[in-house]
Amino acid sequence: MSLTILYAAVLFSALTHASWNALVKTSGDRLLLLASIRTLGMFLGIMVAPFVPLPSLQSVPWLLGAAAMHYIYYALLLNAYRLGDISQVYPIARGTAPLIVVVLGIFFAGELLDRTTLFGIFVLSSGLFVLSVSGSTIHRLVLLFAFGTGISIAGYSFLSGMGIRESATLIGYIAWLEIAKGAGLTLFAWHRRRGRIAGYLKNNWRSSLAAGFLSVGSFTVSVAVMSVAPIAPVVALRVTSVVFAAIIGSIFLREGFAGKRITAAVIVVIGVVLIGLSAT
């Protein structure tokens, strides 16, 4: 398969990631829609797990830590979408994560920054700042939840990366991580929405299935392409999801501030790409 087709698949993955987030944002019950996504992922994990090797014991603490960090991510994301626009929240959250990873590398791994990385940090931070003030008023809680979501993304990404290194089985690790993530959120949604689940699924089963397959498909495509293509371009293309989210929110959902937010999202992507290039 040519690199052009593979990179096109990654762009489609970025679009689907922004799309399922838009479905969560516009859902009448965000918790139940997000729980539906994770329940689907859990069932897919249960179907795959018996046919692949188990993760090693050394990877289990990392797996459980990544699952716990995902729960924090879900809580922050739901609150961010409850109060803010996806065209602002999503790019801030997704743009903050690589910035946090660089900072962690400086303090905990002793990594030295070259000029490209420093410029990338400046560009990325500039985009995040523009996004932070791209509204008629600055809602501090929205920014708190959005940046917190980005920190949690960096957290589960780091823990998942460490876990996969220790697991000796990529598919097995992902399957059990999906089970761990889905089980907790499904039980929580059952506890909080027990009397509403049947009615919600009756009226929203199509959007729930669509969001679930968009989420699982987006992740699967990105991992599959990274296994056969250069990682740096794939990561850079995946980050274009922030531009798709800005377009979906500001134009199609009519959240406003389209010019400022789309431009800021593009700046965020450029910053992430510069940081990624310095690591190659």
Protein backbone atom coordinates (compact mmCIF):
# COMPACT_ATOMS: atom_id res chain seq x y z
CA MET A 1 0.00 0.00 0.00
CA SER A 2 1.41 3.41 -0.98
CA LEU A 3 2.26 6.09 1.59
CA THR A 4 -0.27 8.39 -0.06
CA ILE A 5 -3.11 5.99 0.77
CA LEU A 6 -1.77 5.44 4.29
CA TYR A 7 -1.52 9.17 4.99
CA ALA A 8 -4.99 9.71 3.55
CA ALA A 9 -6.23 7.08 6.02
CA VAL A 10 -4.60 9.02 8.88
CA LEU A 11 -6.31 12.23 7.75
CA PHE A 12 -9.60 10.35 7.72
CA SER A 13 -8.76 9.08 11.21
CA ALA A 14 -8.23 12.68 12.36
CA LEU A 15 -11.60 13.67 10.89
CA THR A 16 -13.41 10.77 12.58
CA HIS A 17 -11.81 11.63 15.93
CA ALA A 18 -13.06 15.20 15.72
CA SER A 19 -16.45 13.91 14.54
CA TRP A 20 -17.11 11.62 17.51
CA ASN A 21 -16.15 14.45 19.82
CA ALA A 22 -18.69 16.64 18.04
CA LEU A 23 -21.34 13.95 18.60
CA VAL A 24 -20.51 13.92 22.32
CA LYS A 25 -20.65 17.72 22.46
CA THR A 26 -24.08 17.90 20.80
CA SER A 27 -25.59 14.87 22.56
CA GLY A 28 -28.61 15.32 24.79
CA ASP A 29 -26.86 13.14 27.39
CA ARG A 30 -23.09 13.33 26.99
CA LEU A 31 -22.36 10.80 29.73
CA LEU A 32 -24.52 8.12 28.14
CA LEU A 33 -23.11 8.73 24.67
CA LEU A 34 -19.54 8.55 25.96
CA ALA A 35 -20.44 5.43 27.94
CA SER A 36 -21.92 3.92 24.77
CA ILE A 37 -18.63 4.53 22.96
CA ARG A 38 -16.60 2.90 25.70
CA THR A 39 -19.05 0.01 26.09
CA LEU A 40 -18.63 -0.79 22.40
CA GLY A 41 -14.87 -0.64 22.85
CA MET A 42 -15.14 -2.95 25.86
CA PHE A 43 -17.13 -5.55 23.93
CA LEU A 44 -14.66 -5.42 21.04
CA GLY A 45 -11.85 -5.90 23.55
CA ILE A 46 -13.65 -8.90 25.06
CA MET A 47 -14.04 -10.40 21.58
CA VAL A 48 -10.35 -9.96 20.72
CA ALA A 49 -8.71 -10.77 24.09
CA PRO A 50 -9.12 -14.60 23.98
CA PHE A 51 -7.28 -14.81 20.65
CA VAL A 52 -4.17 -12.77 21.49
CA PRO A 53 -1.44 -13.13 24.13
CA LEU A 54 -2.06 -11.69 27.58
CA PRO A 55 -0.12 -8.55 28.53
CA SER A 56 2.87 -9.30 30.75
CA LEU A 57 2.55 -8.87 34.51
CA GLN A 58 5.04 -6.01 34.35
CA SER A 59 2.66 -4.03 32.14
CA VAL A 60 -0.41 -4.45 34.38
CA PRO A 61 0.35 -1.46 36.69
CA TRP A 62 0.85 0.74 33.64
CA LEU A 63 -2.39 -0.56 32.12
CA LEU A 64 -4.38 0.13 35.30
CA GLY A 65 -2.77 3.56 35.62
CA ALA A 66 -3.66 4.39 32.00
CA ALA A 67 -7.26 3.26 32.60
CA ALA A 68 -7.50 5.43 35.73
CA MET A 69 -6.10 8.41 33.86
CA HIS A 70 -8.71 7.83 31.14
CA TYR A 71 -11.45 8.16 33.76
CA ILE A 72 -10.03 11.54 34.78
CA TYR A 73 -9.93 12.47 31.10
CA TYR A 74 -13.59 11.53 30.63
CA ALA A 75 -14.68 13.62 33.63
CA LEU A 76 -12.73 16.67 32.49
CA LEU A 77 -13.84 16.31 28.86
CA LEU A 78 -17.53 16.06 29.75
CA ASN A 79 -17.31 19.14 31.96
CA ALA A 80 -15.38 21.04 29.29
CA TYR A 81 -18.06 20.27 26.68
CA ARG A 82 -20.81 21.10 29.17
CA LEU A 83 -19.50 24.65 29.50
CA GLY A 84 -17.53 25.38 26.33
CA ASP A 85 -17.45 25.14 22.54
CA ILE A 86 -15.80 22.19 20.81
CA SER A 87 -14.03 24.62 18.46
CA GLN A 88 -12.22 26.01 21.51
CA VAL A 89 -12.06 23.08 23.95
CA TYR A 90 -10.85 20.37 21.55
CA PRO A 91 -7.87 22.27 20.05
CA ILE A 92 -6.76 23.44 23.51
CA ALA A 93 -6.97 19.92 24.94
CA ARG A 94 -5.23 18.23 22.02
CA GLY A 95 -2.63 20.98 21.70
CA THR A 96 -1.75 20.99 25.39
CA ALA A 97 -0.87 17.28 25.47
CA PRO A 98 2.32 17.43 23.31
CA LEU A 99 3.42 20.54 25.19
CA ILE A 100 3.12 18.66 28.49
CA VAL A 101 5.06 15.71 27.05
CA VAL A 102 7.94 18.04 26.13
CA VAL A 103 7.94 19.57 29.63
CA LEU A 104 7.96 16.08 31.21
CA GLY A 105 10.89 15.18 29.01
CA ILE A 106 12.84 18.22 30.23
CA PHE A 107 12.30 17.61 33.94
CA PHE A 108 12.23 13.82 34.16
CA ALA A 109 14.37 12.64 31.26
CA GLY A 110 16.90 15.48 31.13
CA GLU A 111 16.18 16.15 27.45
CA LEU A 112 17.86 19.15 25.87
CA LEU A 113 15.84 21.40 23.59
CA ASP A 114 17.13 22.43 20.19
CA ARG A 115 16.09 25.55 18.31
CA THR A 116 13.37 23.77 16.34
CA THR A 117 11.76 22.47 19.53
CA LEU A 118 11.94 25.86 21.22
CA PHE A 119 10.36 27.53 18.19
CA GLY A 120 7.71 24.80 18.07
CA ILE A 121 6.90 25.40 21.75
CA PHE A 122 6.58 29.13 21.07
CA VAL A 123 4.29 28.57 18.06
CA LEU A 124 2.18 25.98 19.87
CA SER A 125 1.84 28.19 22.96
CA SER A 126 0.84 31.13 20.76
CA GLY A 127 -1.94 29.07 19.17
CA LEU A 128 -3.19 27.93 22.57
CA PHE A 129 -3.20 31.52 23.83
CA VAL A 130 -5.25 32.71 20.85
CA LEU A 131 -7.72 29.88 21.43
CA SER A 132 -7.94 30.79 25.13
CA VAL A 133 -9.09 34.33 24.34
CA SER A 134 -11.20 33.45 21.27
CA GLY A 135 -14.59 34.19 22.77
CA SER A 136 -16.81 37.07 23.73
CA THR A 137 -15.86 36.39 27.37
CA ILE A 138 -13.13 34.25 28.93
CA HIS A 139 -14.78 31.48 30.94
CA ARG A 140 -12.13 30.40 33.44
CA LEU A 141 -13.77 27.05 34.16
CA VAL A 142 -13.84 26.18 30.45
CA LEU A 143 -10.13 26.87 30.18
CA LEU A 144 -9.44 24.96 33.39
CA PHE A 145 -11.29 21.87 32.14
CA ALA A 146 -9.82 22.16 28.61
CA PHE A 147 -6.22 22.43 29.80
CA GLY A 148 -6.89 19.74 32.41
CA THR A 149 -8.14 17.49 29.63
CA GLY A 150 -4.91 18.08 27.74
CA ILE A 151 -2.85 17.17 30.82
CA SER A 152 -4.85 13.96 31.26
CA ILE A 153 -4.31 13.09 27.57
CA ALA A 154 -0.57 13.49 28.09
CA GLY A 155 -0.84 11.34 31.22
CA TYR A 156 -2.65 8.40 29.67
CA SER A 157 -0.49 8.63 26.54
CA PHE A 158 2.67 8.34 28.64
CA LEU A 159 1.28 5.51 30.77
CA SER A 160 -0.03 3.63 27.73
CA GLY A 161 3.31 4.02 25.94
CA MET A 162 5.19 2.63 28.92
CA GLY A 163 2.69 -0.19 29.28
CA ILE A 164 2.93 -1.21 25.63
CA ARG A 165 6.73 -1.33 25.92
CA GLU A 166 6.42 -3.73 28.87
CA SER A 167 3.53 -5.81 27.55
CA ALA A 168 5.21 -7.66 24.64
CA THR A 169 1.80 -7.73 22.91
CA LEU A 170 0.36 -4.60 21.31
CA ILE A 171 -3.07 -6.02 20.45
CA GLY A 172 -3.41 -7.83 23.78
CA TYR A 173 -2.55 -4.67 25.71
CA ILE A 174 -5.00 -2.54 23.71
CA ALA A 175 -7.77 -5.14 24.13
CA TRP A 176 -7.42 -5.25 27.90
CA LEU A 177 -7.10 -1.47 28.11
CA GLU A 178 -10.39 -1.16 26.22
CA ILE A 179 -11.96 -3.62 28.69
CA ALA A 180 -10.61 -1.71 31.69
CA LYS A 181 -11.74 1.67 30.34
CA GLY A 182 -15.14 0.44 29.28
CA ALA A 183 -15.99 -1.49 32.45
CA GLY A 184 -15.51 1.47 34.78
CA LEU A 185 -17.38 4.01 32.66
CA THR A 186 -20.21 1.58 31.89
CA LEU A 187 -20.74 0.86 35.60
CA PHE A 188 -20.59 4.56 36.45
CA ALA A 189 -23.16 5.44 33.76
CA TRP A 190 -25.39 2.59 34.95
CA HIS A 191 -25.23 3.97 38.49
CA ARG A 192 -25.95 7.60 37.49
CA ARG A 193 -28.45 7.04 34.66
CA ARG A 194 -30.02 3.67 35.48
CA GLY A 195 -33.58 4.80 34.78
CA ARG A 196 -32.76 6.60 31.53
CA ILE A 197 -30.60 4.09 29.67
CA ALA A 198 -33.37 2.15 27.90
CA GLY A 199 -35.12 5.30 26.69
CA TYR A 200 -31.85 6.89 25.61
CA LEU A 201 -30.75 3.87 23.58
CA LYS A 202 -34.20 3.55 21.99
CA ASN A 203 -33.96 7.10 20.64
CA ASN A 204 -30.22 7.42 20.15
CA TRP A 205 -28.87 3.98 19.25
CA ARG A 206 -27.82 5.11 15.78
CA SER A 207 -25.73 8.05 17.00
CA SER A 208 -24.31 5.89 19.82
CA LEU A 209 -23.18 3.20 17.38
CA ALA A 210 -21.84 5.80 14.97
CA ALA A 211 -19.83 7.53 17.69
CA GLY A 212 -18.54 4.19 18.97
CA PHE A 213 -17.32 2.99 15.59
CA LEU A 214 -15.85 6.41 14.78
CA SER A 215 -13.88 6.36 18.04
CA VAL A 216 -12.64 2.77 17.79
CA GLY A 217 -12.01 3.08 14.06
CA SER A 218 -10.02 6.30 14.46
CA PHE A 219 -7.70 4.74 17.01
CA THR A 220 -7.35 1.47 15.10
CA VAL A 221 -6.45 3.20 11.83
CA SER A 222 -3.81 5.42 13.44
CA VAL A 223 -2.15 2.49 15.25
CA ALA A 224 -2.27 0.30 12.13
CA VAL A 225 -0.69 2.97 9.93
CA MET A 226 2.03 3.71 12.50
CA SER A 227 2.99 0.04 12.43
CA VAL A 228 3.94 0.24 8.72
CA ALA A 229 4.66 3.93 8.04
CA PRO A 230 7.06 6.53 9.49
CA ILE A 231 5.69 7.62 12.86
CA ALA A 232 6.50 11.36 12.75
CA PRO A 233 4.38 12.18 9.66
CA VAL A 234 1.54 10.05 11.03
CA VAL A 235 1.54 11.91 14.36
CA ALA A 236 1.65 15.26 12.53
CA LEU A 237 -1.27 14.34 10.28
CA ARG A 238 -3.25 13.00 13.26
CA VAL A 239 -3.00 16.39 14.97
CA THR A 240 -4.93 17.96 12.09
CA SER A 241 -7.98 16.75 14.03
CA VAL A 242 -7.80 20.07 15.91
CA VAL A 243 -8.41 21.92 12.63
CA PHE A 244 -11.33 19.64 11.76
CA ALA A 245 -12.80 20.21 15.24
CA ALA A 246 -12.43 23.98 14.88
CA ILE A 247 -14.18 23.87 11.50
CA ILE A 248 -16.97 21.57 12.70
CA GLY A 249 -17.64 23.65 15.80
CA SER A 250 -17.25 27.18 14.53
CA ILE A 251 -18.96 26.69 11.15
CA PHE A 252 -21.23 23.63 11.19
CA LEU A 253 -22.32 23.96 14.84
CA ARG A 254 -22.34 27.76 14.50
CA GLU A 255 -20.30 28.43 17.61
CA GLY A 256 -18.80 31.52 16.00
CA PHE A 257 -15.27 33.01 15.97
CA ALA A 258 -14.50 30.81 12.96
CA GLY A 259 -11.60 32.85 11.56
CA LYS A 260 -9.78 33.21 14.87
CA ARG A 261 -10.30 29.63 16.07
CA ILE A 262 -9.48 27.89 12.78
CA THR A 263 -6.35 30.05 12.39
CA ALA A 264 -5.32 29.29 15.97
CA ALA A 265 -5.90 25.56 15.39
CA VAL A 266 -3.64 25.68 12.32
CA ILE A 267 -0.97 27.42 14.43
CA VAL A 268 -1.28 24.65 17.03
CA VAL A 269 -0.74 22.01 14.33
CA ILE A 270 2.34 23.85 13.03
CA GLY A 271 3.77 23.99 16.55
CA VAL A 272 3.18 20.27 17.12
CA VAL A 273 4.76 19.44 13.75
CA LEU A 274 7.86 21.51 14.58
CA ILE A 275 8.24 19.74 17.93
CA GLY A 276 7.77 16.39 16.21
CA LEU A 277 10.36 17.20 13.53
CA SER A 278 12.98 17.98 16.15
CA ALA A 279 12.52 14.49 17.59
CA THR A 280 13.24 12.73 14.29
